[in-house]
Amino acid sequence: MKKSLSLIIIFILLTLNNTDAIAQLNFSKQAFNIFDESVKPIKLSLEDAILKALNNNISLKIEKLDVQASKTAIESEKAAFDTKVKATVSTGEKKSQNLNGSNSQTNTTAEIEIERLLYSGTTVAVNTNLGRNASGNSDSLYSNRIGIDLTHPLLRNSGNEINLISLKQAELDYNYTKHELKAFILDFIASVEKKYWEHYLSVRQLEIVNESAALAIQQRQETNSRILAGSIPESERAAAEAEVAKCEEDLINAQSNMVNTAISLLRAVNHDTENFWKNLPNLTDKPFLKKIDQMDLEAHLALAEKQRPELLQAKVLIAKNELEIVTSKNGLLPKLDFFVSLGNTGYSRSFNNSNPKFNNNEKPDFEVGFDYELTRNRRSARAKLERSKITADMKKEALKNLEQVIKEDVIKAYIEVQRTMQQVAATAATTQKQQEKLRVEEIKFSVGKTTSFQVSQAQRDLTEAKIAEVKAAIAYTGAITELMRADGTSLLKANKIELK
């Protein structure tokens, strides 16, 4: 069994191209082959992965639809100030009996009214009423009334500020959902980047494990040769065989991990909804290793205060609550509406002559007055106002707390960038030292000054150092990404993507 596994490893090593390891692995030979060999691997840069994910992700599409739905509420609130047209047409017949015999009377009316609510709270209505009274014993009588009605609130619901509150709240709700979408996108981009670099790490780990396996096989061959030559004892074979077996185990785990991270990345990119998992991803970007010379913590904190969508959402909620306070104060006022109704009615035996006459001889009818209403004690309105004020204080305190939390996020992300920046250099130095250590152990083994176990241990240390170096590079890249997410600029700066 070990020999067959060793042959598989040798086959992989011979066919593996380190610059494009995953794209060229023959998965038909592996237990984890789920990819379609007839389809070319998908080449993905980090920006490509993010753009594809933004265009194809189903959860993001749902969030965008929520924003669109929220926008419709604005139009619904604007509709309250649209002009309304009402029309009524009716007819009826009434029969009566008296000493002169039976009589029938037919009444037909048609009414049209045009009404509009103004931002000030004033309601204006213009109406006309046409009537025809037909009796079997006399000629028809026509009536035509033209009138205008106006109602204006003097206290409660008076003024543009109070009457536009519902519209302003709908606009704030729309802004809230936009900030919510932006927060979702920022987190989503960070998630895609994390999956991208996790897959990159798994690819590099597989390459490093393959390199380690090649060294282990080479060391086993050399050990066997020296045992046959009699220069070292038979007991040295066990350590060499154990190292090859360990590499075989690591290879299986690395292959499985690589496939799992590939599936996670492909699911996020979602290039094919039905068969997203059949195309092997081939990553073209490498971790960011350039040292950042100058980093200004205060600048990142200032950016976070302006850009973090959570803060913007909290400020929207405070603005909405301020409108609630205005509404509650308005509810304490008594209702006092001024109303006036003007009109004139014309009568005639013919329809053409029934139009009302507006002259000195025929004065219009009118009605003018006030409508007053007040609830005793106004306990409900007072309680609502008090509740609104308490809620406003709560939201303001919550905003202060959120500002501190976000500052903490930025500061920690800033420190992590500094730490990982130094870690990159430290792990690179460790790798160099481990390579030198392995070289020395191999020389000592060739002259019989050390054991096969010591060489295997040096090989294992080098493998761990190489993996740690890759992890450090990815951690540094991730720390920069997290800093930009923490200050709210990753959407625009890191990935050059604008929220539409």
Protein backbone atom coordinates (compact mmCIF):
# COMPACT_ATOMS: atom_id res chain seq x y z
CA MET A 1 0.00 0.00 0.00
CA LYS A 2 2.81 2.40 0.88
CA LYS A 3 4.54 1.69 -2.41
CA SER A 4 1.39 2.48 -4.41
CA LEU A 5 0.91 5.72 -2.52
CA SER A 6 4.52 6.61 -3.10
CA LEU A 7 4.08 6.06 -6.83
CA ILE A 8 1.07 8.38 -6.79
CA ILE A 9 3.13 11.06 -5.04
CA ILE A 10 5.94 10.67 -7.56
CA PHE A 11 3.43 10.98 -10.41
CA ILE A 12 2.01 14.17 -8.90
CA LEU A 13 5.43 15.67 -8.37
CA LEU A 14 6.39 14.99 -11.97
CA THR A 15 3.22 16.59 -13.35
CA LEU A 16 2.89 19.49 -10.93
CA ASN A 17 3.82 22.97 -12.14
CA ASN A 18 4.55 25.07 -9.07
CA THR A 19 3.51 28.32 -10.78
CA ASP A 20 0.07 26.92 -11.55
CA ALA A 21 -0.28 23.97 -9.19
CA ILE A 22 -4.00 23.63 -8.83
CA ALA A 23 -4.88 24.17 -12.49
CA GLN A 24 -2.59 21.32 -13.60
CA LEU A 25 -3.25 18.69 -10.93
CA ASN A 26 -4.79 15.57 -12.45
CA PHE A 27 -7.78 15.17 -10.16
CA SER A 28 -8.94 11.99 -11.88
CA LYS A 29 -6.11 10.33 -9.94
CA GLN A 30 -7.30 11.74 -6.62
CA ALA A 31 -10.07 10.89 -4.19
CA PHE A 32 -11.29 14.50 -4.21
CA ASN A 33 -12.02 14.84 -7.93
CA ILE A 34 -15.32 16.76 -8.23
CA PHE A 35 -14.31 19.23 -10.93
CA ASP A 36 -15.26 18.96 -14.59
CA GLU A 37 -12.05 18.13 -16.50
CA SER A 38 -13.62 19.17 -19.82
CA VAL A 39 -13.94 22.78 -18.64
CA LYS A 40 -10.94 25.06 -18.35
CA PRO A 41 -10.14 26.39 -14.88
CA ILE A 42 -11.50 29.86 -14.11
CA LYS A 43 -8.76 32.45 -13.86
CA LEU A 44 -9.62 34.79 -11.02
CA SER A 45 -7.92 37.92 -9.81
CA LEU A 46 -9.10 39.31 -6.49
CA GLU A 47 -10.98 42.12 -8.22
CA ASP A 48 -12.58 39.66 -10.67
CA ALA A 49 -13.74 37.49 -7.79
CA ILE A 50 -15.29 40.47 -5.99
CA LEU A 51 -17.00 41.85 -9.10
CA LYS A 52 -18.39 38.45 -10.06
CA ALA A 53 -19.60 37.90 -6.51
CA LEU A 54 -21.30 41.31 -6.42
CA ASN A 55 -23.03 40.60 -9.72
CA ASN A 56 -24.05 37.01 -9.03
CA ASN A 57 -24.61 36.61 -5.31
CA ILE A 58 -28.25 35.85 -4.51
CA SER A 59 -28.21 37.35 -1.00
CA LEU A 60 -26.92 40.63 -2.40
CA LYS A 61 -29.69 40.67 -5.01
CA ILE A 62 -32.23 40.35 -2.20
CA GLU A 63 -30.64 43.28 -0.35
CA LYS A 64 -30.79 45.42 -3.50
CA LEU A 65 -34.47 44.57 -4.00
CA ASP A 66 -35.11 45.68 -0.43
CA VAL A 67 -33.63 49.10 -1.27
CA GLN A 68 -35.84 49.37 -4.35
CA ALA A 69 -38.90 48.45 -2.30
CA SER A 70 -38.01 51.07 0.30
CA LYS A 71 -37.82 53.74 -2.40
CA THR A 72 -41.44 53.13 -3.39
CA ALA A 73 -42.54 54.34 0.06
CA ILE A 74 -41.33 57.85 -0.87
CA GLU A 75 -43.67 57.96 -3.85
CA SER A 76 -46.50 56.69 -1.65
CA GLU A 77 -45.99 59.58 0.77
CA LYS A 78 -45.79 62.12 -2.07
CA ALA A 79 -49.13 60.80 -3.30
CA ALA A 80 -50.82 62.37 -0.26
CA PHE A 81 -50.33 65.78 -1.92
CA ASP A 82 -51.55 64.73 -5.35
CA THR A 83 -54.69 66.27 -6.80
CA LYS A 84 -57.77 64.10 -6.37
CA VAL A 85 -60.76 64.08 -8.66
CA LYS A 86 -64.11 62.75 -7.45
CA ALA A 87 -67.17 62.27 -9.63
CA THR A 88 -70.65 61.08 -8.74
CA VAL A 89 -73.64 60.51 -11.00
CA SER A 90 -76.99 59.34 -9.67
CA THR A 91 -80.64 59.22 -10.67
CA GLY A 92 -83.82 58.25 -8.88
CA GLU A 93 -87.57 58.31 -9.27
CA LYS A 94 -90.19 59.01 -6.64
CA LYS A 95 -93.89 58.32 -7.12
CA SER A 96 -96.64 59.89 -5.04
CA GLN A 97 -100.46 59.75 -4.87
CA ASN A 98 -102.74 62.69 -4.07
CA LEU A 99 -106.31 63.92 -4.73
CA ASN A 100 -105.38 64.98 -8.24
CA GLY A 101 -104.08 61.53 -9.08
CA SER A 102 -100.63 59.97 -9.26
CA ASN A 103 -97.44 61.92 -9.83
CA SER A 104 -93.84 60.86 -10.54
CA GLN A 105 -90.72 62.88 -9.93
CA THR A 106 -87.27 62.05 -11.33
CA ASN A 107 -84.09 63.53 -9.82
CA THR A 108 -80.78 63.29 -11.66
CA THR A 109 -77.55 64.72 -10.24
CA ALA A 110 -73.92 64.83 -11.37
CA GLU A 111 -71.15 66.12 -9.12
CA ILE A 112 -67.45 66.67 -9.82
CA GLU A 113 -64.95 67.73 -7.16
CA ILE A 114 -61.23 68.50 -7.48
CA GLU A 115 -59.36 68.44 -4.16
CA ARG A 116 -55.76 68.89 -3.11
CA LEU A 117 -53.87 68.90 0.18
CA LEU A 118 -51.11 71.50 0.31
CA TYR A 119 -47.82 71.16 2.23
CA SER A 120 -49.09 73.80 4.68
CA GLY A 121 -51.97 71.52 5.67
CA THR A 122 -54.57 73.53 3.78
CA THR A 123 -57.17 71.55 1.87
CA VAL A 124 -58.64 73.21 -1.21
CA ALA A 125 -61.60 71.76 -3.09
CA VAL A 126 -63.44 73.06 -6.14
CA ASN A 127 -66.74 71.43 -6.99
CA THR A 128 -69.67 71.72 -9.32
CA ASN A 129 -73.08 70.10 -8.95
CA LEU A 130 -75.54 69.66 -11.81
CA GLY A 131 -79.14 68.67 -11.10
CA ARG A 132 -82.33 67.98 -13.02
CA ASN A 133 -85.73 67.64 -11.45
CA ALA A 134 -88.36 66.30 -13.83
CA SER A 135 -92.03 66.05 -12.87
CA GLY A 136 -94.84 64.65 -14.95
CA ASN A 137 -97.01 67.72 -14.21
CA SER A 138 -94.48 70.44 -15.02
CA ASP A 139 -91.38 71.26 -17.03
CA SER A 140 -87.99 70.05 -15.83
CA LEU A 141 -86.06 72.28 -13.45
CA TYR A 142 -82.25 72.47 -13.86
CA SER A 143 -79.80 73.56 -11.19
CA ASN A 144 -76.06 74.23 -11.40
CA ARG A 145 -73.88 75.02 -8.40
CA ILE A 146 -70.21 76.00 -8.49
CA GLY A 147 -68.35 76.24 -5.20
CA ILE A 148 -64.97 76.28 -3.50
CA ASP A 149 -64.15 74.91 -0.06
CA LEU A 150 -61.04 75.71 1.96
CA THR A 151 -59.94 74.28 5.29
CA HIS A 152 -56.77 75.51 6.99
CA PRO A 153 -55.39 74.19 10.33
CA LEU A 154 -54.29 76.93 12.69
CA LEU A 155 -52.73 74.84 15.46
CA ARG A 156 -52.49 71.05 15.08
CA ASN A 157 -51.13 69.90 11.68
CA SER A 158 -50.34 73.47 10.64
CA GLY A 159 -47.26 74.22 8.53
CA ASN A 160 -44.92 72.50 6.12
CA GLU A 161 -42.73 70.99 8.83
CA ILE A 162 -45.39 68.77 10.36
CA ASN A 163 -47.14 67.83 7.12
CA LEU A 164 -43.92 66.74 5.41
CA ILE A 165 -42.79 64.51 8.29
CA SER A 166 -44.15 61.29 6.78
CA LEU A 167 -42.34 62.06 3.53
CA LYS A 168 -39.11 62.85 5.38
CA GLN A 169 -39.41 59.62 7.37
CA ALA A 170 -39.83 57.64 4.14
CA GLU A 171 -36.72 59.32 2.72
CA LEU A 172 -34.81 58.48 5.91
CA ASP A 173 -35.98 54.87 5.68
CA TYR A 174 -34.68 54.78 2.11
CA ASN A 175 -31.32 56.18 3.23
CA TYR A 176 -31.23 53.62 6.03
CA THR A 177 -31.69 50.72 3.61
CA LYS A 178 -28.96 52.17 1.36
CA HIS A 179 -26.55 52.31 4.30
CA GLU A 180 -27.66 48.80 5.24
CA LEU A 181 -26.86 47.64 1.72
CA LYS A 182 -23.46 49.32 1.89
CA ALA A 183 -22.73 47.60 5.21
CA PHE A 184 -23.74 44.29 3.67
CA ILE A 185 -21.47 44.89 0.68
CA LEU A 186 -18.51 45.87 2.87
CA ASP A 187 -18.89 42.69 4.92
CA PHE A 188 -19.54 40.67 1.78
CA ILE A 189 -16.39 41.95 0.06
CA ALA A 190 -14.37 41.16 3.18
CA SER A 191 -15.85 37.65 3.15
CA VAL A 192 -14.97 37.13 -0.53
CA GLU A 193 -11.43 38.38 0.04
CA LYS A 194 -11.06 36.05 3.00
CA LYS A 195 -12.22 33.07 0.91
CA TYR A 196 -9.88 34.11 -1.91
CA TRP A 197 -6.84 34.17 0.35
CA GLU A 198 -7.88 31.01 2.19
CA HIS A 199 -7.90 29.20 -1.13
CA TYR A 200 -4.57 30.79 -2.06
CA LEU A 201 -3.15 29.50 1.24
CA SER A 202 -4.50 25.99 0.64
CA VAL A 203 -2.94 25.97 -2.85
CA ARG A 204 0.43 27.07 -1.47
CA GLN A 205 0.18 24.53 1.35
CA LEU A 206 -0.41 21.79 -1.20
CA GLU A 207 2.62 22.94 -3.19
CA ILE A 208 4.77 23.06 -0.05
CA VAL A 209 3.59 19.61 1.06
CA ASN A 210 4.44 18.26 -2.39
CA GLU A 211 7.91 19.79 -2.12
CA SER A 212 8.28 18.26 1.32
CA ALA A 213 7.14 14.87 -0.03
CA ALA A 214 9.74 15.08 -2.78
CA LEU A 215 12.45 15.72 -0.19
CA ALA A 216 11.16 12.84 1.95
CA ILE A 217 11.22 10.43 -0.99
CA GLN A 218 14.69 11.60 -1.92
CA GLN A 219 15.85 11.16 1.66
CA ARG A 220 14.35 7.66 1.81
CA GLN A 221 16.13 6.69 -1.40
CA GLU A 222 19.42 7.98 -0.06
CA THR A 223 18.86 6.20 3.26
CA ASN A 224 18.12 2.91 1.51
CA SER A 225 21.20 3.33 -0.66
CA ARG A 226 23.44 3.92 2.33
CA ILE A 227 21.88 0.98 4.20
CA LEU A 228 22.64 -1.26 1.21
CA ALA A 229 26.17 0.13 1.18
CA GLY A 230 26.48 -0.66 4.88
CA SER A 231 27.42 2.87 5.90
CA ILE A 232 24.42 3.26 8.23
CA PRO A 233 22.44 0.71 10.23
CA GLU A 234 19.08 -0.80 9.17
CA SER A 235 17.36 1.09 12.00
CA GLU A 236 17.66 4.35 10.02
CA ARG A 237 15.10 3.06 7.50
CA ALA A 238 12.18 3.47 9.94
CA ALA A 239 12.61 7.23 10.31
CA ALA A 240 12.79 7.74 6.54
CA GLU A 241 9.72 5.57 5.94
CA ALA A 242 7.81 7.34 8.71
CA GLU A 243 8.54 10.73 7.15
CA VAL A 244 7.25 9.58 3.75
CA ALA A 245 4.11 8.20 5.41
CA LYS A 246 3.63 11.51 7.24
CA CYS A 247 3.98 13.38 3.95
CA GLU A 248 1.38 11.10 2.37
CA GLU A 249 -0.99 11.93 5.22
CA ASP A 250 -0.30 15.65 4.89
CA LEU A 251 -0.82 15.42 1.13
CA ILE A 252 -4.30 13.91 1.56
CA ASN A 253 -5.28 16.60 4.06
CA ALA A 254 -3.86 19.37 1.86
CA GLN A 255 -5.77 18.09 -1.17
CA SER A 256 -9.02 17.93 0.78
CA ASN A 257 -8.50 21.41 2.24
CA MET A 258 -7.72 22.83 -1.20
CA VAL A 259 -10.96 21.45 -2.65
CA ASN A 260 -13.01 22.72 0.29
CA THR A 261 -11.63 26.25 0.01
CA ALA A 262 -12.18 26.16 -3.76
CA ILE A 263 -15.84 25.26 -3.23
CA SER A 264 -16.27 28.09 -0.70
CA LEU A 265 -14.76 30.60 -3.12
CA LEU A 266 -16.80 29.32 -6.07
CA ARG A 267 -19.99 29.52 -4.01
CA ALA A 268 -19.24 33.15 -3.17
CA VAL A 269 -18.40 34.03 -6.79
CA ASN A 270 -21.43 32.01 -8.00
CA HIS A 271 -20.48 32.17 -11.69
CA ASP A 272 -22.89 29.31 -12.44
CA THR A 273 -25.89 28.99 -10.13
CA GLU A 274 -26.60 25.34 -10.92
CA ASN A 275 -23.03 24.03 -11.35
CA PHE A 276 -20.91 26.57 -9.49
CA TRP A 277 -18.69 23.80 -8.08
CA LYS A 278 -17.55 22.22 -11.36
CA ASN A 279 -14.98 24.82 -12.44
CA LEU A 280 -11.61 24.78 -10.73
CA PRO A 281 -10.47 28.32 -9.73
CA ASN A 282 -7.00 29.43 -10.79
CA LEU A 283 -5.92 32.43 -8.70
CA THR A 284 -3.77 35.05 -10.39
CA ASP A 285 -3.14 37.49 -7.51
CA LYS A 286 -0.59 37.15 -4.74
CA PRO A 287 -0.69 38.59 -1.21
CA PHE A 288 0.22 42.23 -0.74
CA LEU A 289 3.78 42.39 0.59
CA LYS A 290 4.67 46.04 0.08
CA LYS A 291 5.51 47.79 3.31
CA ILE A 292 3.34 50.80 4.13
CA ASP A 293 5.71 53.60 5.03
CA GLN A 294 3.28 55.97 6.71
CA MET A 295 0.07 55.12 8.51
CA ASP A 296 -1.98 57.79 10.26
CA LEU A 297 -4.27 56.37 12.93
CA GLU A 298 -6.13 59.66 13.37
CA ALA A 299 -6.85 59.77 9.64
CA HIS A 300 -8.32 56.26 9.73
CA LEU A 301 -10.47 57.17 12.74
CA ALA A 302 -11.76 60.27 10.95
CA LEU A 303 -12.58 58.23 7.86
CA ALA A 304 -14.48 55.69 9.94
CA GLU A 305 -16.58 58.45 11.47
CA LYS A 306 -17.62 59.59 8.00
CA GLN A 307 -17.78 56.30 6.11
CA ARG A 308 -18.88 53.48 8.42
CA PRO A 309 -22.43 52.60 7.38
CA GLU A 310 -23.35 51.52 10.91
CA LEU A 311 -22.73 55.08 12.13
CA LEU A 312 -24.70 56.52 9.25
CA GLN A 313 -27.56 54.15 10.04
CA ALA A 314 -27.53 55.20 13.70
CA LYS A 315 -27.62 58.88 12.69
CA VAL A 316 -30.59 58.17 10.42
CA LEU A 317 -32.44 56.58 13.34
CA ILE A 318 -31.72 59.65 15.49
CA ALA A 319 -33.04 61.92 12.73
CA LYS A 320 -36.20 59.80 12.51
CA ASN A 321 -36.65 60.03 16.25
CA GLU A 322 -36.33 63.83 16.10
CA LEU A 323 -39.23 63.80 13.65
CA GLU A 324 -41.18 61.63 16.08
CA ILE A 325 -40.67 64.29 18.75
CA VAL A 326 -42.02 66.95 16.39
CA THR A 327 -45.02 64.74 15.69
CA SER A 328 -45.59 64.14 19.40
CA LYS A 329 -45.45 67.86 20.19
CA ASN A 330 -47.92 68.50 17.40
CA GLY A 331 -50.26 65.96 19.00
CA LEU A 332 -50.39 68.07 22.18
CA LEU A 333 -51.91 70.99 20.30
CA PRO A 334 -55.69 71.34 20.11
CA LYS A 335 -57.37 71.04 16.76
CA LEU A 336 -58.39 74.46 15.47
CA ASP A 337 -59.28 74.58 11.79
CA PHE A 338 -60.56 77.57 9.89
CA PHE A 339 -62.94 76.73 7.08
CA VAL A 340 -64.75 78.72 4.42
CA SER A 341 -67.13 77.61 1.70
CA LEU A 342 -68.19 79.86 -1.19
CA GLY A 343 -70.61 79.02 -3.97
CA ASN A 344 -73.42 80.09 -6.19
CA THR A 345 -76.33 78.19 -7.67
CA GLY A 346 -78.29 78.90 -10.82
CA TYR A 347 -81.77 77.61 -11.65
CA SER A 348 -83.58 77.46 -14.98
CA ARG A 349 -86.13 75.51 -16.97
CA SER A 350 -83.42 74.91 -19.57
CA PHE A 351 -79.96 73.47 -19.00
CA ASN A 352 -78.14 76.20 -20.95
CA ASN A 353 -79.52 78.96 -18.73
CA SER A 354 -78.86 77.22 -15.41
CA ASN A 355 -75.30 78.53 -14.99
CA PRO A 356 -74.94 80.64 -11.83
CA LYS A 357 -74.62 84.41 -12.28
CA PHE A 358 -71.83 86.15 -10.39
CA ASN A 359 -73.04 89.75 -10.25
CA ASN A 360 -74.32 92.26 -7.75
CA ASN A 361 -77.88 91.02 -8.04
CA GLU A 362 -77.04 87.41 -7.16
CA LYS A 363 -74.72 87.19 -4.21
CA PRO A 364 -72.98 83.86 -3.58
CA ASP A 365 -73.84 81.71 -0.62
CA PHE A 366 -71.05 81.22 1.87
CA GLU A 367 -70.21 79.53 5.11
CA VAL A 368 -67.28 80.39 7.34
CA GLY A 369 -66.25 79.20 10.78
CA PHE A 370 -63.86 77.34 13.05
CA ASP A 371 -63.64 73.70 14.06
CA TYR A 372 -62.20 73.12 17.53
CA GLU A 373 -61.34 69.88 19.32
CA LEU A 374 -59.35 69.14 22.47
CA THR A 375 -58.95 65.94 24.47
CA ARG A 376 -59.02 66.53 28.20
CA ASN A 377 -55.61 66.03 29.92
CA ARG A 378 -54.08 64.77 26.63
CA ARG A 379 -52.45 61.91 28.53
CA SER A 380 -51.84 59.79 25.45
CA ALA A 381 -50.15 62.66 23.61
CA ARG A 382 -48.03 63.57 26.64
CA ALA A 383 -46.96 59.95 27.11
CA LYS A 384 -46.04 59.67 23.43
CA LEU A 385 -43.92 62.82 23.66
CA GLU A 386 -42.15 61.61 26.78
CA ARG A 387 -41.53 58.23 25.19
CA SER A 388 -40.10 59.89 22.08
CA LYS A 389 -37.71 61.99 24.18
CA ILE A 390 -36.53 58.95 26.14
CA THR A 391 -36.02 57.00 22.92
CA ALA A 392 -34.04 59.93 21.50
CA ASP A 393 -31.74 59.91 24.55
CA MET A 394 -31.29 56.14 24.21
CA LYS A 395 -30.35 56.40 20.55
CA LYS A 396 -27.88 59.20 21.23
CA GLU A 397 -26.19 57.15 23.93
CA ALA A 398 -26.21 54.14 21.61
CA LEU A 399 -24.50 56.27 18.97
CA LYS A 400 -21.77 57.25 21.42
CA ASN A 401 -21.25 53.59 22.29
CA LEU A 402 -21.15 52.63 18.62
CA GLU A 403 -18.58 55.34 17.93
CA GLN A 404 -16.36 53.85 20.64
CA VAL A 405 -16.82 50.33 19.28
CA ILE A 406 -15.87 51.47 15.78
CA LYS A 407 -12.83 53.33 17.09
CA GLU A 408 -11.82 50.15 18.88
CA ASP A 409 -12.19 48.22 15.60
CA VAL A 410 -10.02 50.72 13.74
CA ILE A 411 -7.33 50.81 16.42
CA LYS A 412 -7.13 47.02 16.65
CA ALA A 413 -7.01 46.73 12.86
CA TYR A 414 -4.27 49.37 12.77
CA ILE A 415 -2.22 47.46 15.35
CA GLU A 416 -2.75 44.20 13.47
CA VAL A 417 -1.33 45.74 10.29
CA GLN A 418 1.76 46.78 12.22
CA ARG A 419 2.11 43.32 13.78
CA THR A 420 1.66 41.34 10.58
CA MET A 421 3.99 43.69 8.72
CA GLN A 422 6.77 42.72 11.12
CA GLN A 423 5.68 39.08 11.09
CA VAL A 424 6.22 38.87 7.32
CA ALA A 425 9.88 39.78 7.73
CA ALA A 426 10.28 37.49 10.74
CA THR A 427 8.82 34.41 9.03
CA ALA A 428 10.90 35.03 5.90
CA ALA A 429 14.02 35.06 8.07
CA THR A 430 12.88 31.86 9.82
CA THR A 431 12.43 30.12 6.46
CA GLN A 432 15.97 31.05 5.43
CA LYS A 433 17.36 29.73 8.72
CA GLN A 434 15.41 26.47 8.38
CA GLN A 435 16.68 26.01 4.82
CA GLU A 436 20.23 26.44 6.07
CA LYS A 437 19.53 24.04 8.94
CA LEU A 438 18.27 21.39 6.50
CA ARG A 439 21.31 21.88 4.26
CA VAL A 440 23.63 21.35 7.21
CA GLU A 441 21.74 18.24 8.39
CA GLU A 442 21.88 16.74 4.89
CA ILE A 443 25.64 17.32 4.74
CA LYS A 444 26.10 15.80 8.18
CA PHE A 445 23.96 12.82 7.18
CA SER A 446 26.03 12.26 4.05
CA VAL A 447 29.15 11.91 6.19
CA GLY A 448 27.43 9.89 8.91
CA LYS A 449 27.38 12.66 11.54
CA THR A 450 23.60 12.68 12.08
CA THR A 451 20.61 10.41 11.77
CA SER A 452 17.81 10.11 9.26
CA PHE A 453 15.41 11.24 11.98
CA GLN A 454 17.27 14.54 12.39
CA VAL A 455 17.12 15.16 8.65
CA SER A 456 13.39 14.38 8.61
CA GLN A 457 12.84 16.75 11.52
CA ALA A 458 14.72 19.50 9.68
CA GLN A 459 12.59 18.88 6.59
CA ARG A 460 9.43 19.12 8.67
CA ASP A 461 10.62 22.33 10.32
CA LEU A 462 11.30 23.84 6.89
CA THR A 463 7.83 22.87 5.68
CA GLU A 464 6.23 24.48 8.72
CA ALA A 465 8.36 27.60 8.24
CA LYS A 466 7.32 27.94 4.59
CA ILE A 467 3.65 27.54 5.49
CA ALA A 468 4.05 30.09 8.30
CA GLU A 469 5.64 32.51 5.83
CA VAL A 470 2.68 32.19 3.46
CA LYS A 471 0.24 32.57 6.35
CA ALA A 472 2.04 35.72 7.47
CA ALA A 473 1.80 37.23 3.99
CA ILE A 474 -1.90 36.43 3.82
CA ALA A 475 -2.44 37.72 7.36
CA TYR A 476 -0.76 41.01 6.40
CA THR A 477 -2.98 41.31 3.34
CA GLY A 478 -6.02 40.46 5.44
CA ALA A 479 -5.03 43.01 8.08
CA ILE A 480 -4.91 45.76 5.46
CA THR A 481 -8.30 44.65 4.17
CA GLU A 482 -9.71 44.65 7.71
CA LEU A 483 -8.35 48.14 8.37
CA MET A 484 -10.05 49.43 5.25
CA ARG A 485 -13.25 47.66 6.27
CA ALA A 486 -12.98 49.13 9.75
CA ASP A 487 -12.64 52.70 8.45
CA GLY A 488 -15.38 52.11 5.87
CA THR A 489 -13.27 52.72 2.77
CA SER A 490 -12.68 49.20 1.47
CA LEU A 491 -15.59 49.47 -0.94
CA LEU A 492 -14.12 52.48 -2.72
CA LYS A 493 -10.38 52.36 -2.01
CA ALA A 494 -9.25 48.75 -1.79
CA ASN A 495 -11.32 47.39 -4.63
CA LYS A 496 -12.20 50.52 -6.64
CA ILE A 497 -15.86 49.59 -6.67
CA GLU A 498 -18.59 52.20 -6.40
CA LEU A 499 -21.92 51.49 -4.78
CA LYS A 500 -24.67 51.96 -7.36
